[in-house]
Amino acid sequence: GFLTLARYQKPLPKDLWLLATGTGLAPFLSML
């Protein structure tokens, strides 16, 4: 999987929106 924050080069990090339904919450809890 490539749903990782390392994939973002541009734009530079400022505001991160994590939008989940149901069990799609899982990877975001890992990031947090």
All heavy atoms as atom14 arrays in JSON, in Angstrom:
{
  "sequence": "GFLTLARYQKPLPKDLWLLATGTGLAPFLSML",
  "atom14_mask": [
    [1, 1, 1, 1, 0, 0, 0, 0, 0, 0, 0, 0, 0, 0],
    [1, 1, 1, 1, 1, 1, 1, 1, 1, 1, 1, 0, 0, 0],
    [1, 1, 1, 1, 1, 1, 1, 1, 0, 0, 0, 0, 0, 0],
    [1, 1, 1, 1, 1, 1, 1, 0, 0, 0, 0, 0, 0, 0],
    [1, 1, 1, 1, 1, 1, 1, 1, 0, 0, 0, 0, 0, 0],
    [1, 1, 1, 1, 1, 0, 0, 0, 0, 0, 0, 0, 0, 0],
    [1, 1, 1, 1, 1, 1, 1, 1, 1, 1, 1, 0, 0, 0],
    [1, 1, 1, 1, 1, 1, 1, 1, 1, 1, 1, 1, 0, 0],
    [1, 1, 1, 1, 1, 1, 1, 1, 1, 0, 0, 0, 0, 0],
    [1, 1, 1, 1, 1, 1, 1, 1, 1, 0, 0, 0, 0, 0],
    [1, 1, 1, 1, 1, 1, 1, 0, 0, 0, 0, 0, 0, 0],
    [1, 1, 1, 1, 1, 1, 1, 1, 0, 0, 0, 0, 0, 0],
    [1, 1, 1, 1, 1, 1, 1, 0, 0, 0, 0, 0, 0, 0],
    [1, 1, 1, 1, 1, 1, 1, 1, 1, 0, 0, 0, 0, 0],
    [1, 1, 1, 1, 1, 1, 1, 1, 0, 0, 0, 0, 0, 0],
    [1, 1, 1, 1, 1, 1, 1, 1, 0, 0, 0, 0, 0, 0],
    [1, 1, 1, 1, 1, 1, 1, 1, 1, 1, 1, 1, 1, 1],
    [1, 1, 1, 1, 1, 1, 1, 1, 0, 0, 0, 0, 0, 0],
    [1, 1, 1, 1, 1, 1, 1, 1, 0, 0, 0, 0, 0, 0],
    [1, 1, 1, 1, 1, 0, 0, 0, 0, 0, 0, 0, 0, 0],
    [1, 1, 1, 1, 1, 1, 1, 0, 0, 0, 0, 0, 0, 0],
    [1, 1, 1, 1, 0, 0, 0, 0, 0, 0, 0, 0, 0, 0],
    [1, 1, 1, 1, 1, 1, 1, 0, 0, 0, 0, 0, 0, 0],
    [1, 1, 1, 1, 0, 0, 0, 0, 0, 0, 0, 0, 0, 0],
    [1, 1, 1, 1, 1, 1, 1, 1, 0, 0, 0, 0, 0, 0],
    [1, 1, 1, 1, 1, 0, 0, 0, 0, 0, 0, 0, 0, 0],
    [1, 1, 1, 1, 1, 1, 1, 0, 0, 0, 0, 0, 0, 0],
    [1, 1, 1, 1, 1, 1, 1, 1, 1, 1, 1, 0, 0, 0],
    [1, 1, 1, 1, 1, 1, 1, 1, 0, 0, 0, 0, 0, 0],
    [1, 1, 1, 1, 1, 1, 0, 0, 0, 0, 0, 0, 0, 0],
    [1, 1, 1, 1, 1, 1, 1, 1, 0, 0, 0, 0, 0, 0],
    [1, 1, 1, 1, 1, 1, 1, 1, 0, 0, 0, 0, 0, 0]
  ],
  "atom14_positions": [
    [[0.79, -1.22, 0.0], [0.0, 0.0, 0.0], [0.82, 1.27, 0.0], [1.93, 1.32, 0.54], [0.0, 0.0, 0.0], [0.0, 0.0, 0.0], [0.0, 0.0, 0.0], [0.0, 0.0, 0.0], [0.0, 0.0, 0.0], [0.0, 0.0, 0.0], [0.0, 0.0, 0.0], [0.0, 0.0, 0.0], [0.0, 0.0, 0.0], [0.0, 0.0, 0.0]],
    [[0.23, 2.29, -0.6], [0.9, 3.58, -0.74], [0.1, 4.71, -0.08], [0.33, 5.88, -0.38], [1.14, 3.9, -2.22], [2.0, 2.86, -2.9], [1.43, 1.84, -3.64], [3.37, 2.89, -2.76], [2.22, 0.87, -4.25], [4.18, 1.93, -3.36], [3.59, 0.92, -4.11], [0.0, 0.0, 0.0], [0.0, 0.0, 0.0], [0.0, 0.0, 0.0]],
    [[-0.85, 4.35, 0.8], [-1.59, 5.37, 1.54], [-0.75, 5.77, 2.75], [-1.09, 5.52, 3.9], [-2.95, 4.85, 1.98], [-3.91, 5.93, 2.49], [-4.41, 6.78, 1.33], [-5.09, 5.31, 3.24], [0.0, 0.0, 0.0], [0.0, 0.0, 0.0], [0.0, 0.0, 0.0], [0.0, 0.0, 0.0], [0.0, 0.0, 0.0], [0.0, 0.0, 0.0]],
    [[0.39, 6.39, 2.46], [1.32, 6.81, 3.5], [1.66, 8.27, 3.31], [1.61, 8.8, 2.18], [2.62, 5.98, 3.45], [3.28, 6.22, 2.2], [2.31, 4.48, 3.57], [0.0, 0.0, 0.0], [0.0, 0.0, 0.0], [0.0, 0.0, 0.0], [0.0, 0.0, 0.0], [0.0, 0.0, 0.0], [0.0, 0.0, 0.0], [0.0, 0.0, 0.0]],
    [[2.03, 8.94, 4.37], [2.32, 10.38, 4.28], [3.59, 10.66, 3.5], [3.77, 11.78, 3.0], [2.4, 10.97, 5.69], [1.09, 10.93, 6.47], [1.29, 11.46, 7.88], [0.0, 11.73, 5.75], [0.0, 0.0, 0.0], [0.0, 0.0, 0.0], [0.0, 0.0, 0.0], [0.0, 0.0, 0.0], [0.0, 0.0, 0.0], [0.0, 0.0, 0.0]],
    [[4.44, 9.66, 3.34], [5.67, 9.86, 2.58], [5.41, 10.14, 1.11], [6.28, 10.66, 0.41], [6.58, 8.63, 2.72], [0.0, 0.0, 0.0], [0.0, 0.0, 0.0], [0.0, 0.0, 0.0], [0.0, 0.0, 0.0], [0.0, 0.0, 0.0], [0.0, 0.0, 0.0], [0.0, 0.0, 0.0], [0.0, 0.0, 0.0], [0.0, 0.0, 0.0]],
    [[4.21, 9.81, 0.63], [3.9, 10.03, -0.78], [3.77, 11.52, -1.11], [3.84, 11.91, -2.27], [2.61, 9.31, -1.16], [1.35, 9.91, -0.56], [0.11, 9.13, -0.99], [-0.1, 9.21, -2.42], [-0.74, 8.3, -3.15], [-1.2, 7.22, -2.56], [-0.9, 8.45, -4.43], [0.0, 0.0, 0.0], [0.0, 0.0, 0.0], [0.0, 0.0, 0.0]],
    [[3.57, 12.36, -0.08], [3.37, 13.79, -0.33], [4.71, 14.53, -0.37], [5.41, 14.6, 0.63], [2.5, 14.4, 0.77], [1.03, 14.04, 0.67], [0.45, 13.17, 1.58], [0.23, 14.57, -0.33], [-0.89, 12.84, 1.5], [-1.11, 14.25, -0.42], [-1.66, 13.39, 0.49], [-3.0, 13.06, 0.41], [0.0, 0.0, 0.0], [0.0, 0.0, 0.0]],
    [[5.03, 15.06, -1.52], [6.21, 15.91, -1.69], [5.79, 17.36, -1.91], [6.38, 18.28, -1.35], [7.05, 15.41, -2.87], [7.45, 13.95, -2.77], [8.24, 13.62, -1.52], [9.11, 14.36, -1.12], [7.91, 12.49, -0.89], [0.0, 0.0, 0.0], [0.0, 0.0, 0.0], [0.0, 0.0, 0.0], [0.0, 0.0, 0.0], [0.0, 0.0, 0.0]],
    [[4.78, 17.55, -2.73], [4.18, 18.87, -2.96], [2.67, 18.71, -3.0], [2.18, 17.75, -3.6], [4.67, 19.46, -4.29], [6.13, 19.84, -4.33], [6.47, 20.46, -5.68], [7.94, 20.85, -5.78], [8.27, 21.45, -7.07], [0.0, 0.0, 0.0], [0.0, 0.0, 0.0], [0.0, 0.0, 0.0], [0.0, 0.0, 0.0], [0.0, 0.0, 0.0]],
    [[1.92, 19.63, -2.36], [2.4, 20.75, -1.55], [3.04, 20.26, -0.25], [2.85, 19.12, 0.15], [1.11, 21.53, -1.26], [0.04, 20.49, -1.29], [0.45, 19.53, -2.36], [0.0, 0.0, 0.0], [0.0, 0.0, 0.0], [0.0, 0.0, 0.0], [0.0, 0.0, 0.0], [0.0, 0.0, 0.0], [0.0, 0.0, 0.0], [0.0, 0.0, 0.0]],
    [[3.81, 21.16, 0.36], [4.45, 20.84, 1.62], [3.39, 20.65, 2.72], [2.29, 21.21, 2.62], [5.44, 21.94, 2.01], [6.64, 22.1, 1.07], [7.49, 23.28, 1.51], [7.47, 20.82, 1.02], [0.0, 0.0, 0.0], [0.0, 0.0, 0.0], [0.0, 0.0, 0.0], [0.0, 0.0, 0.0], [0.0, 0.0, 0.0], [0.0, 0.0, 0.0]],
    [[3.68, 19.89, 3.77], [2.68, 19.61, 4.8], [2.19, 20.87, 5.51], [2.99, 21.7, 5.93], [3.43, 18.69, 5.78], [4.58, 18.14, 5.01], [4.96, 19.2, 4.03], [0.0, 0.0, 0.0], [0.0, 0.0, 0.0], [0.0, 0.0, 0.0], [0.0, 0.0, 0.0], [0.0, 0.0, 0.0], [0.0, 0.0, 0.0], [0.0, 0.0, 0.0]],
    [[0.88, 20.97, 5.63], [0.28, 22.0, 6.47], [-1.01, 21.47, 7.08], [-1.09, 21.21, 8.27], [-0.01, 23.29, 5.68], [-0.56, 24.39, 6.6], [-0.91, 25.66, 5.85], [-1.51, 26.69, 6.82], [-2.02, 27.88, 6.09], [0.0, 0.0, 0.0], [0.0, 0.0, 0.0], [0.0, 0.0, 0.0], [0.0, 0.0, 0.0], [0.0, 0.0, 0.0]],
    [[-2.03, 21.24, 6.22], [-3.31, 20.74, 6.7], [-3.54, 19.32, 6.17], [-3.53, 19.1, 4.96], [-4.46, 21.64, 6.24], [-4.29, 23.07, 6.71], [-3.79, 23.26, 7.84], [-4.65, 23.99, 5.96], [0.0, 0.0, 0.0], [0.0, 0.0, 0.0], [0.0, 0.0, 0.0], [0.0, 0.0, 0.0], [0.0, 0.0, 0.0], [0.0, 0.0, 0.0]],
    [[-3.76, 18.38, 7.08], [-3.99, 16.99, 6.71], [-5.44, 16.63, 7.01], [-5.88, 16.68, 8.16], [-3.05, 16.07, 7.5], [-3.25, 14.57, 7.32], [-2.99, 14.16, 5.87], [-2.34, 13.79, 8.28], [0.0, 0.0, 0.0], [0.0, 0.0, 0.0], [0.0, 0.0, 0.0], [0.0, 0.0, 0.0], [0.0, 0.0, 0.0], [0.0, 0.0, 0.0]],
    [[-6.17, 16.24, 5.97], [-7.56, 15.8, 6.11], [-7.6, 14.29, 5.96], [-7.19, 13.74, 4.93], [-8.43, 16.45, 5.03], [-8.6, 17.94, 5.17], [-7.66, 18.89, 4.92], [-9.78, 18.63, 5.57], [-8.17, 20.14, 5.14], [-9.48, 20.02, 5.53], [-11.06, 18.23, 5.94], [-10.42, 20.99, 5.86], [-12.01, 19.2, 6.27], [-11.69, 20.56, 6.23]],
    [[-8.11, 13.61, 6.98], [-8.26, 12.16, 6.97], [-9.76, 11.85, 6.97], [-10.44, 12.07, 7.97], [-7.59, 11.55, 8.2], [-6.1, 11.9, 8.39], [-5.6, 11.37, 9.73], [-5.26, 11.36, 7.24], [0.0, 0.0, 0.0], [0.0, 0.0, 0.0], [0.0, 0.0, 0.0], [0.0, 0.0, 0.0], [0.0, 0.0, 0.0], [0.0, 0.0, 0.0]],
    [[-10.27, 11.34, 5.85], [-11.7, 11.13, 5.68], [-11.97, 9.63, 5.6], [-11.53, 8.95, 4.68], [-12.2, 11.82, 4.41], [-11.8, 13.3, 4.23], [-12.43, 13.88, 2.97], [-12.19, 14.13, 5.46], [0.0, 0.0, 0.0], [0.0, 0.0, 0.0], [0.0, 0.0, 0.0], [0.0, 0.0, 0.0], [0.0, 0.0, 0.0], [0.0, 0.0, 0.0]],
    [[-12.72, 9.11, 6.58], [-12.91, 7.67, 6.7], [-14.37, 7.3, 6.89], [-15.14, 8.04, 7.52], [-12.1, 7.13, 7.88], [0.0, 0.0, 0.0], [0.0, 0.0, 0.0], [0.0, 0.0, 0.0], [0.0, 0.0, 0.0], [0.0, 0.0, 0.0], [0.0, 0.0, 0.0], [0.0, 0.0, 0.0], [0.0, 0.0, 0.0], [0.0, 0.0, 0.0]],
    [[-14.73, 6.14, 6.35], [-15.99, 5.5, 6.71], [-15.69, 4.12, 7.27], [-14.79, 3.43, 6.8], [-16.93, 5.34, 5.49], [-16.25, 4.62, 4.46], [-17.37, 6.69, 4.96], [0.0, 0.0, 0.0], [0.0, 0.0, 0.0], [0.0, 0.0, 0.0], [0.0, 0.0, 0.0], [0.0, 0.0, 0.0], [0.0, 0.0, 0.0], [0.0, 0.0, 0.0]],
    [[-16.44, 3.73, 8.3], [-16.34, 2.38, 8.84], [-14.93, 1.99, 9.23], [-14.19, 2.75, 9.86], [0.0, 0.0, 0.0], [0.0, 0.0, 0.0], [0.0, 0.0, 0.0], [0.0, 0.0, 0.0], [0.0, 0.0, 0.0], [0.0, 0.0, 0.0], [0.0, 0.0, 0.0], [0.0, 0.0, 0.0], [0.0, 0.0, 0.0], [0.0, 0.0, 0.0]],
    [[-14.53, 0.77, 8.81], [-13.22, 0.25, 9.17], [-12.09, 0.94, 8.41], [-10.91, 0.67, 8.67], [-13.15, -1.26, 8.94], [-13.51, -1.55, 7.59], [-14.11, -1.99, 9.87], [0.0, 0.0, 0.0], [0.0, 0.0, 0.0], [0.0, 0.0, 0.0], [0.0, 0.0, 0.0], [0.0, 0.0, 0.0], [0.0, 0.0, 0.0], [0.0, 0.0, 0.0]],
    [[-12.44, 1.84, 7.49], [-11.43, 2.65, 6.82], [-10.71, 3.59, 7.77], [-9.72, 4.24, 7.4], [0.0, 0.0, 0.0], [0.0, 0.0, 0.0], [0.0, 0.0, 0.0], [0.0, 0.0, 0.0], [0.0, 0.0, 0.0], [0.0, 0.0, 0.0], [0.0, 0.0, 0.0], [0.0, 0.0, 0.0], [0.0, 0.0, 0.0], [0.0, 0.0, 0.0]],
    [[-11.17, 3.65, 9.01], [-10.48, 4.43, 10.04], [-9.11, 3.87, 10.37], [-8.21, 4.6, 10.82], [-11.35, 4.45, 11.31], [-10.79, 5.14, 12.54], [-10.75, 6.66, 12.33], [-11.65, 4.81, 13.77], [0.0, 0.0, 0.0], [0.0, 0.0, 0.0], [0.0, 0.0, 0.0], [0.0, 0.0, 0.0], [0.0, 0.0, 0.0], [0.0, 0.0, 0.0]],
    [[-8.91, 2.58, 10.15], [-7.72, 1.87, 10.63], [-6.39, 2.53, 10.27], [-5.58, 2.81, 11.15], [-7.75, 0.42, 10.15], [0.0, 0.0, 0.0], [0.0, 0.0, 0.0], [0.0, 0.0, 0.0], [0.0, 0.0, 0.0], [0.0, 0.0, 0.0], [0.0, 0.0, 0.0], [0.0, 0.0, 0.0], [0.0, 0.0, 0.0], [0.0, 0.0, 0.0]],
    [[-6.11, 2.78, 8.98], [-4.79, 3.35, 8.66], [-4.57, 4.72, 9.25], [-3.43, 5.1, 9.54], [-4.78, 3.38, 7.13], [-6.21, 3.42, 6.74], [-6.91, 2.58, 7.77], [0.0, 0.0, 0.0], [0.0, 0.0, 0.0], [0.0, 0.0, 0.0], [0.0, 0.0, 0.0], [0.0, 0.0, 0.0], [0.0, 0.0, 0.0], [0.0, 0.0, 0.0]],
    [[-5.65, 5.48, 9.46], [-5.51, 6.82, 10.01], [-5.16, 6.77, 11.49], [-4.41, 7.61, 12.0], [-6.78, 7.62, 9.77], [-7.12, 7.77, 8.31], [-8.44, 7.91, 7.89], [-6.12, 7.79, 7.34], [-8.75, 8.07, 6.55], [-6.43, 7.93, 5.99], [-7.75, 8.07, 5.6], [0.0, 0.0, 0.0], [0.0, 0.0, 0.0], [0.0, 0.0, 0.0]],
    [[-5.7, 5.79, 12.2], [-5.3, 5.63, 13.61], [-3.83, 5.3, 13.7], [-3.13, 5.77, 14.6], [-6.14, 4.52, 14.26], [-7.59, 4.86, 14.57], [-8.3, 3.66, 15.16], [-7.7, 6.06, 15.5], [0.0, 0.0, 0.0], [0.0, 0.0, 0.0], [0.0, 0.0, 0.0], [0.0, 0.0, 0.0], [0.0, 0.0, 0.0], [0.0, 0.0, 0.0]],
    [[-3.33, 4.5, 12.77], [-1.9, 4.18, 12.76], [-1.07, 5.44, 12.55], [-0.09, 5.69, 13.26], [-1.6, 3.15, 11.67], [-0.24, 2.78, 11.69], [0.0, 0.0, 0.0], [0.0, 0.0, 0.0], [0.0, 0.0, 0.0], [0.0, 0.0, 0.0], [0.0, 0.0, 0.0], [0.0, 0.0, 0.0], [0.0, 0.0, 0.0], [0.0, 0.0, 0.0]],
    [[-1.47, 6.27, 11.59], [-0.75, 7.52, 11.33], [-0.76, 8.43, 12.54], [0.24, 9.11, 12.84], [-1.39, 8.25, 10.15], [-1.25, 7.55, 8.82], [-2.15, 8.44, 7.53], [-2.14, 7.21, 6.22], [0.0, 0.0, 0.0], [0.0, 0.0, 0.0], [0.0, 0.0, 0.0], [0.0, 0.0, 0.0], [0.0, 0.0, 0.0], [0.0, 0.0, 0.0]],
    [[-1.9, 8.47, 13.24], [-2.03, 9.38, 14.38], [-1.34, 8.86, 15.63], [-1.32, 9.53, 16.67], [-3.52, 9.63, 14.66], [-4.21, 10.47, 13.58], [-5.72, 10.48, 13.8], [-3.66, 11.88, 13.55], [0.0, 0.0, 0.0], [0.0, 0.0, 0.0], [0.0, 0.0, 0.0], [0.0, 0.0, 0.0], [0.0, 0.0, 0.0], [0.0, 0.0, 0.0]]
  ]
}
